[in-house]
């Protein structure tokens, strides 16, 4: 099974979160790019983004899937 970690970066100019899968060899592969909400503060949009991002990272992680047997 391929094992990789996730690297979450912020592209301030594009106002996006950029998530890479990082392999054992250090190679980065783009996983997703997500636009940051246009609303300032801890908005419903930001809460939705945080929840979706967390869920996606958990589901995509081979180590977490192995540990939790999912």
PDB file of N, CA and C in Angstrom:
ATOM      1  N   UNK A   1       0.843  -1.180   0.000  1.00  0.00           N
ATOM      2  CA  UNK A   1       0.000   0.000   0.000  1.00  0.00           C
ATOM      3  C   UNK A   1       0.886   1.239   0.000  1.00  0.00           C
ATOM      4  N   UNK A   2       0.558   2.193  -0.883  1.00  0.00           N
ATOM      5  CA  UNK A   2       1.293   3.449  -0.903  1.00  0.00           C
ATOM      6  C   UNK A   2       0.975   4.238   0.357  1.00  0.00           C
ATOM      7  N   UNK A   3       2.003   4.801   0.946  1.00  0.00           N
ATOM      8  CA  UNK A   3       1.822   5.631   2.124  1.00  0.00           C
ATOM      9  C   UNK A   3       2.261   7.038   1.782  1.00  0.00           C
ATOM     10  N   UNK A   4       1.480   7.987   2.188  1.00  0.00           N
ATOM     11  CA  UNK A   4       1.823   9.382   1.951  1.00  0.00           C
ATOM     12  C   UNK A   4       1.220  10.223   3.063  1.00  0.00           C
ATOM     13  N   UNK A   5       1.763  11.415   3.196  1.00  0.00           N
ATOM     14  CA  UNK A   5       1.243  12.396   4.137  1.00  0.00           C
ATOM     15  C   UNK A   5       0.573  13.500   3.333  1.00  0.00           C
ATOM     16  N   UNK A   6      -0.046  14.417   4.028  1.00  0.00           N
ATOM     17  CA  UNK A   6      -0.657  15.566   3.379  1.00  0.00           C
ATOM     18  C   UNK A   6       0.074  16.831   3.821  1.00  0.00           C
ATOM     19  N   UNK A   7       0.261  17.723   2.880  1.00  0.00           N
ATOM     20  CA  UNK A   7       0.841  19.033   3.144  1.00  0.00           C
ATOM     21  C   UNK A   7      -0.201  20.064   2.744  1.00  0.00           C
ATOM     22  N   UNK A   8      -0.607  20.894   3.693  1.00  0.00           N
ATOM     23  CA  UNK A   8      -1.609  21.922   3.429  1.00  0.00           C
ATOM     24  C   UNK A   8      -0.895  23.266   3.380  1.00  0.00           C
ATOM     25  N   UNK A   9      -1.028  23.949   2.247  1.00  0.00           N
ATOM     26  CA  UNK A   9      -0.384  25.245   2.042  1.00  0.00           C
ATOM     27  C   UNK A   9      -1.455  26.296   1.781  1.00  0.00           C
ATOM     28  N   UNK A  10      -1.103  27.544   2.009  1.00  0.00           N
ATOM     29  CA  UNK A  10      -2.002  28.650   1.705  1.00  0.00           C
ATOM     30  C   UNK A  10      -1.381  29.460   0.578  1.00  0.00           C
ATOM     31  N   UNK A  11      -2.122  29.613  -0.512  1.00  0.00           N
ATOM     32  CA  UNK A  11      -1.720  30.498  -1.602  1.00  0.00           C
ATOM     33  C   UNK A  11      -2.406  31.828  -1.327  1.00  0.00           C
ATOM     34  N   UNK A  12      -1.650  32.739  -0.733  1.00  0.00           N
ATOM     35  CA  UNK A  12      -2.241  34.007  -0.296  1.00  0.00           C
ATOM     36  C   UNK A  12      -2.723  34.841  -1.475  1.00  0.00           C
ATOM     37  N   UNK A  13      -1.975  34.827  -2.567  1.00  0.00           N
ATOM     38  CA  UNK A  13      -2.367  35.621  -3.734  1.00  0.00           C
ATOM     39  C   UNK A  13      -3.667  35.113  -4.347  1.00  0.00           C
ATOM     40  N   UNK A  14      -3.799  33.791  -4.467  1.00  0.00           N
ATOM     41  CA  UNK A  14      -5.004  33.193  -5.052  1.00  0.00           C
ATOM     42  C   UNK A  14      -6.117  33.028  -4.021  1.00  0.00           C
ATOM     43  N   UNK A  15      -5.785  33.245  -2.738  1.00  0.00           N
ATOM     44  CA  UNK A  15      -6.740  33.047  -1.637  1.00  0.00           C
ATOM     45  C   UNK A  15      -7.324  31.640  -1.683  1.00  0.00           C
ATOM     46  N   UNK A  16      -6.403  30.662  -1.716  1.00  0.00           N
ATOM     47  CA  UNK A  16      -6.773  29.252  -1.785  1.00  0.00           C
ATOM     48  C   UNK A  16      -5.962  28.437  -0.791  1.00  0.00           C
ATOM     49  N   UNK A  17      -6.555  27.323  -0.362  1.00  0.00           N
ATOM     50  CA  UNK A  17      -5.797  26.278   0.307  1.00  0.00           C
ATOM     51  C   UNK A  17      -5.378  25.302  -0.775  1.00  0.00           C
ATOM     52  N   UNK A  18      -4.134  24.874  -0.727  1.00  0.00           N
ATOM     53  CA  UNK A  18      -3.621  23.905  -1.684  1.00  0.00           C
ATOM     54  C   UNK A  18      -3.126  22.713  -0.877  1.00  0.00           C
ATOM     55  N   UNK A  19      -3.641  21.533  -1.192  1.00  0.00           N
ATOM     56  CA  UNK A  19      -3.289  20.329  -0.448  1.00  0.00           C
ATOM     57  C   UNK A  19      -2.556  19.376  -1.376  1.00  0.00           C
ATOM     58  N   UNK A  20      -1.392  18.924  -0.922  1.00  0.00           N
ATOM     59  CA  UNK A  20      -0.587  17.966  -1.669  1.00  0.00           C
ATOM     60  C   UNK A  20      -0.524  16.654  -0.908  1.00  0.00           C
ATOM     61  N   UNK A  21      -0.426  15.577  -1.642  1.00  0.00           N
ATOM     62  CA  UNK A  21      -0.002  14.301  -1.072  1.00  0.00           C
ATOM     63  C   UNK A  21       1.516  14.299  -1.195  1.00  0.00           C
ATOM     64  N   UNK A  22       2.195  13.918  -0.118  1.00  0.00           N
ATOM     65  CA  UNK A  22       3.656  13.869  -0.125  1.00  0.00           C
ATOM     66  C   UNK A  22       4.075  12.434   0.132  1.00  0.00           C
ATOM     67  N   UNK A  23       4.729  11.829  -0.856  1.00  0.00           N
ATOM     68  CA  UNK A  23       5.162  10.449  -0.748  1.00  0.00           C
ATOM     69  C   UNK A  23       6.408  10.302   0.099  1.00  0.00           C
ATOM     70  N   UNK A  24       6.769   9.065   0.385  1.00  0.00           N
ATOM     71  CA  UNK A  24       7.959   8.768   1.191  1.00  0.00           C
ATOM     72  C   UNK A  24       9.218   9.331   0.549  1.00  0.00           C
ATOM     73  N   UNK A  25       9.196   9.464  -0.778  1.00  0.00           N
ATOM     74  CA  UNK A  25      10.346  10.004  -1.502  1.00  0.00           C
ATOM     75  C   UNK A  25      10.362  11.526  -1.523  1.00  0.00           C
ATOM     76  N   UNK A  26       9.348  12.164  -0.893  1.00  0.00           N
ATOM     77  CA  UNK A  26       9.265  13.618  -0.848  1.00  0.00           C
ATOM     78  C   UNK A  26       8.534  14.236  -2.026  1.00  0.00           C
ATOM     79  N   UNK A  27       8.125  13.411  -2.982  1.00  0.00           N
ATOM     80  CA  UNK A  27       7.438  13.925  -4.164  1.00  0.00           C
ATOM     81  C   UNK A  27       6.048  14.416  -3.782  1.00  0.00           C
ATOM     82  N   UNK A  28       5.717  15.629  -4.237  1.00  0.00           N
ATOM     83  CA  UNK A  28       4.405  16.217  -3.983  1.00  0.00           C
ATOM     84  C   UNK A  28       3.492  15.985  -5.181  1.00  0.00           C
ATOM     85  N   UNK A  29       2.263  15.576  -4.887  1.00  0.00           N
ATOM     86  CA  UNK A  29       1.237  15.423  -5.908  1.00  0.00           C
ATOM     87  C   UNK A  29       0.034  16.237  -5.458  1.00  0.00           C
ATOM     88  N   UNK A  30      -0.463  17.091  -6.339  1.00  0.00           N
ATOM     89  CA  UNK A  30      -1.611  17.915  -5.983  1.00  0.00           C
ATOM     90  C   UNK A  30      -2.804  17.038  -5.639  1.00  0.00           C
ATOM     91  N   UNK A  31      -3.396  17.270  -4.484  1.00  0.00           N
ATOM     92  CA  UNK A  31      -4.604  16.559  -4.063  1.00  0.00           C
ATOM     93  C   UNK A  31      -5.829  17.420  -4.349  1.00  0.00           C
ATOM     94  N   UNK A  32      -5.783  18.692  -3.918  1.00  0.00           N
ATOM     95  CA  UNK A  32      -6.914  19.588  -4.174  1.00  0.00           C
ATOM     96  C   UNK A  32      -6.507  21.036  -3.965  1.00  0.00           C
ATOM     97  N   UNK A  33      -7.263  21.902  -4.585  1.00  0.00           N
ATOM     98  CA  UNK A  33      -7.169  23.351  -4.368  1.00  0.00           C
ATOM     99  C   UNK A  33      -8.564  23.803  -3.973  1.00  0.00           C
ATOM    100  N   UNK A  34      -8.661  24.586  -2.914  1.00  0.00           N
ATOM    101  CA  UNK A  34      -9.966  25.022  -2.421  1.00  0.00           C
ATOM    102  C   UNK A  34      -9.924  26.528  -2.188  1.00  0.00           C
ATOM    103  N   UNK A  35     -10.854  27.237  -2.783  1.00  0.00           N
ATOM    104  CA  UNK A  35     -10.938  28.682  -2.578  1.00  0.00           C
ATOM    105  C   UNK A  35     -11.349  28.980  -1.143  1.00  0.00           C
ATOM    106  N   UNK A  36     -10.715  29.986  -0.563  1.00  0.00           N
ATOM    107  CA  UNK A  36     -11.108  30.433   0.775  1.00  0.00           C
ATOM    108  C   UNK A  36     -12.415  31.216   0.673  1.00  0.00           C
ATOM    109  N   UNK A  37     -13.240  31.161   1.715  1.00  0.00           N
ATOM    110  CA  UNK A  37     -14.502  31.914   1.685  1.00  0.00           C
ATOM    111  C   UNK A  37     -14.241  33.408   1.521  1.00  0.00           C
ATOM    112  N   UNK A  38     -15.162  34.082   0.865  1.00  0.00           N
ATOM    113  CA  UNK A  38     -15.048  35.530   0.663  1.00  0.00           C
ATOM    114  C   UNK A  38     -15.483  36.313   1.897  1.00  0.00           C
ATOM    115  N   UNK A  39     -16.215  35.653   2.794  1.00  0.00           N
ATOM    116  CA  UNK A  39     -16.726  36.298   4.002  1.00  0.00           C
ATOM    117  C   UNK A  39     -15.649  36.251   5.084  1.00  0.00           C
ATOM    118  N   UNK A  40     -15.380  37.382   5.716  1.00  0.00           N
ATOM    119  CA  UNK A  40     -14.394  37.415   6.791  1.00  0.00           C
ATOM    120  C   UNK A  40     -14.996  36.891   8.087  1.00  0.00           C
ATOM    121  N   UNK A  41     -14.136  36.461   8.987  1.00  0.00           N
ATOM    122  CA  UNK A  41     -14.577  35.963  10.283  1.00  0.00           C
ATOM    123  C   UNK A  41     -14.913  34.485  10.216  1.00  0.00           C
ATOM    124  N   UNK A  42     -15.309  33.945  11.369  1.00  0.00           N
ATOM    125  CA  UNK A  42     -15.626  32.514  11.468  1.00  0.00           C
ATOM    126  C   UNK A  42     -17.061  32.328  10.987  1.00  0.00           C
ATOM    127  N   UNK A  43     -17.222  32.305   9.674  1.00  0.00           N
ATOM    128  CA  UNK A  43     -18.534  32.244   9.036  1.00  0.00           C
ATOM    129  C   UNK A  43     -18.990  30.799   8.865  1.00  0.00           C
ATOM    130  N   UNK A  44     -20.236  30.642   8.468  1.00  0.00           N
ATOM    131  CA  UNK A  44     -20.765  29.306   8.161  1.00  0.00           C
ATOM    132  C   UNK A  44     -19.983  28.689   7.007  1.00  0.00           C
ATOM    133  N   UNK A  45     -19.578  29.523   6.044  1.00  0.00           N
ATOM    134  CA  UNK A  45     -18.799  29.028   4.909  1.00  0.00           C
ATOM    135  C   UNK A  45     -17.453  28.476   5.367  1.00  0.00           C
ATOM    136  N   UNK A  46     -16.813  29.164   6.300  1.00  0.00           N
ATOM    137  CA  UNK A  46     -15.526  28.700   6.815  1.00  0.00           C
ATOM    138  C   UNK A  46     -15.702  27.424   7.633  1.00  0.00           C
ATOM    139  N   UNK A  47     -16.758  27.339   8.412  1.00  0.00           N
ATOM    140  CA  UNK A  47     -17.034  26.116   9.166  1.00  0.00           C
ATOM    141  C   UNK A  47     -17.251  24.937   8.222  1.00  0.00           C
ATOM    142  N   UNK A  48     -17.998  25.167   7.141  1.00  0.00           N
ATOM    143  CA  UNK A  48     -18.234  24.102   6.157  1.00  0.00           C
ATOM    144  C   UNK A  48     -16.931  23.667   5.502  1.00  0.00           C
ATOM    145  N   UNK A  49     -16.079  24.639   5.155  1.00  0.00           N
ATOM    146  CA  UNK A  49     -14.788  24.327   4.543  1.00  0.00           C
ATOM    147  C   UNK A  49     -13.928  23.511   5.499  1.00  0.00           C
ATOM    148  N   UNK A  50     -13.868  23.928   6.764  1.00  0.00           N
ATOM    149  CA  UNK A  50     -13.050  23.219   7.754  1.00  0.00           C
ATOM    150  C   UNK A  50     -13.528  21.782   7.929  1.00  0.00           C
ATOM    151  N   UNK A  51     -14.823  21.594   8.005  1.00  0.00           N
ATOM    152  CA  UNK A  51     -15.375  20.247   8.171  1.00  0.00           C
ATOM    153  C   UNK A  51     -15.085  19.380   6.952  1.00  0.00           C
ATOM    154  N   UNK A  52     -15.332  19.918   5.764  1.00  0.00           N
ATOM    155  CA  UNK A  52     -15.106  19.146   4.535  1.00  0.00           C
ATOM    156  C   UNK A  52     -13.627  18.814   4.356  1.00  0.00           C
ATOM    157  N   UNK A  53     -12.749  19.772   4.637  1.00  0.00           N
ATOM    158  CA  UNK A  53     -11.314  19.532   4.492  1.00  0.00           C
ATOM    159  C   UNK A  53     -10.856  18.451   5.458  1.00  0.00           C
ATOM    160  N   UNK A  54     -11.288  18.544   6.706  1.00  0.00           N
ATOM    161  CA  UNK A  54     -10.915  17.523   7.688  1.00  0.00           C
ATOM    162  C   UNK A  54     -11.401  16.145   7.296  1.00  0.00           C
ATOM    163  N   UNK A  55     -12.645  16.057   6.849  1.00  0.00           N
ATOM    164  CA  UNK A  55     -13.195  14.767   6.428  1.00  0.00           C
ATOM    165  C   UNK A  55     -12.426  14.216   5.232  1.00  0.00           C
ATOM    166  N   UNK A  56     -12.133  15.075   4.259  1.00  0.00           N
ATOM    167  CA  UNK A  56     -11.413  14.620   3.070  1.00  0.00           C
ATOM    168  C   UNK A  56     -10.014  14.124   3.407  1.00  0.00           C
ATOM    169  N   UNK A  57      -9.329  14.818   4.309  1.00  0.00           N
ATOM    170  CA  UNK A  57      -7.985  14.381   4.693  1.00  0.00           C
ATOM    171  C   UNK A  57      -8.032  13.052   5.433  1.00  0.00           C
ATOM    172  N   UNK A  58      -9.014  12.885   6.317  1.00  0.00           N
ATOM    173  CA  UNK A  58      -9.141  11.618   7.039  1.00  0.00           C
ATOM    174  C   UNK A  58      -9.447  10.467   6.086  1.00  0.00           C
ATOM    175  N   UNK A  59     -10.373  10.673   5.186  1.00  0.00           N
ATOM    176  CA  UNK A  59     -10.761   9.620   4.250  1.00  0.00           C
ATOM    177  C   UNK A  59      -9.624   9.286   3.293  1.00  0.00           C
ATOM    178  N   UNK A  60      -8.835  10.280   2.906  1.00  0.00           N
ATOM    179  CA  UNK A  60      -7.766  10.059   1.932  1.00  0.00           C
ATOM    180  C   UNK A  60      -6.509   9.446   2.543  1.00  0.00           C
ATOM    181  N   UNK A  61      -6.380   9.460   3.851  1.00  0.00           N
ATOM    182  CA  UNK A  61      -5.155   8.994   4.499  1.00  0.00           C
ATOM    183  C   UNK A  61      -5.103   7.469   4.580  1.00  0.00           C
ATOM    184  N   UNK A  62      -4.139   6.837   3.888  1.00  0.00           N
ATOM    185  CA  UNK A  62      -4.039   5.382   3.970  1.00  0.00           C
ATOM    186  C   UNK A  62      -3.698   4.898   5.380  1.00  0.00           C
ATOM    187  N   UNK A  63      -2.946   5.679   6.124  1.00  0.00           N
ATOM    188  CA  UNK A  63      -2.573   5.279   7.485  1.00  0.00           C
ATOM    189  C   UNK A  63      -3.799   5.303   8.391  1.00  0.00           C
ATOM    190  N   UNK A  64      -4.589   6.357   8.307  1.00  0.00           N
ATOM    191  CA  UNK A  64      -5.798   6.431   9.133  1.00  0.00           C
ATOM    192  C   UNK A  64      -6.771   5.327   8.749  1.00  0.00           C
ATOM    193  N   UNK A  65      -6.931   5.083   7.454  1.00  0.00           N
ATOM    194  CA  UNK A  65      -7.831   3.999   7.027  1.00  0.00           C
ATOM    195  C   UNK A  65      -7.357   2.660   7.570  1.00  0.00           C
ATOM    196  N   UNK A  66      -6.047   2.450   7.579  1.00  0.00           N
ATOM    197  CA  UNK A  66      -5.504   1.193   8.101  1.00  0.00           C
ATOM    198  C   UNK A  66      -5.721   1.093   9.611  1.00  0.00           C
ATOM    199  N   UNK A  67      -5.432   2.174  10.338  1.00  0.00           N
ATOM    200  CA  UNK A  67      -5.591   2.168  11.794  1.00  0.00           C
ATOM    201  C   UNK A  67      -7.048   1.932  12.182  1.00  0.00           C
ATOM    202  N   UNK A  68      -7.964   2.586  11.480  1.00  0.00           N
ATOM    203  CA  UNK A  68      -9.386   2.503  11.822  1.00  0.00           C
ATOM    204  C   UNK A  68     -10.118   1.408  11.059  1.00  0.00           C
ATOM    205  N   UNK A  69      -9.384   0.702  10.210  1.00  0.00           N
ATOM    206  CA  UNK A  69      -9.957  -0.396   9.431  1.00  0.00           C
ATOM    207  C   UNK A  69     -11.164   0.061   8.611  1.00  0.00           C
ATOM    208  N   UNK A  70     -10.974   1.157   7.892  1.00  0.00           N
ATOM    209  CA  UNK A  70     -12.032   1.669   7.001  1.00  0.00           C
ATOM    210  C   UNK A  70     -11.539   1.708   5.569  1.00  0.00           C
TER     211      UNK A  70
END
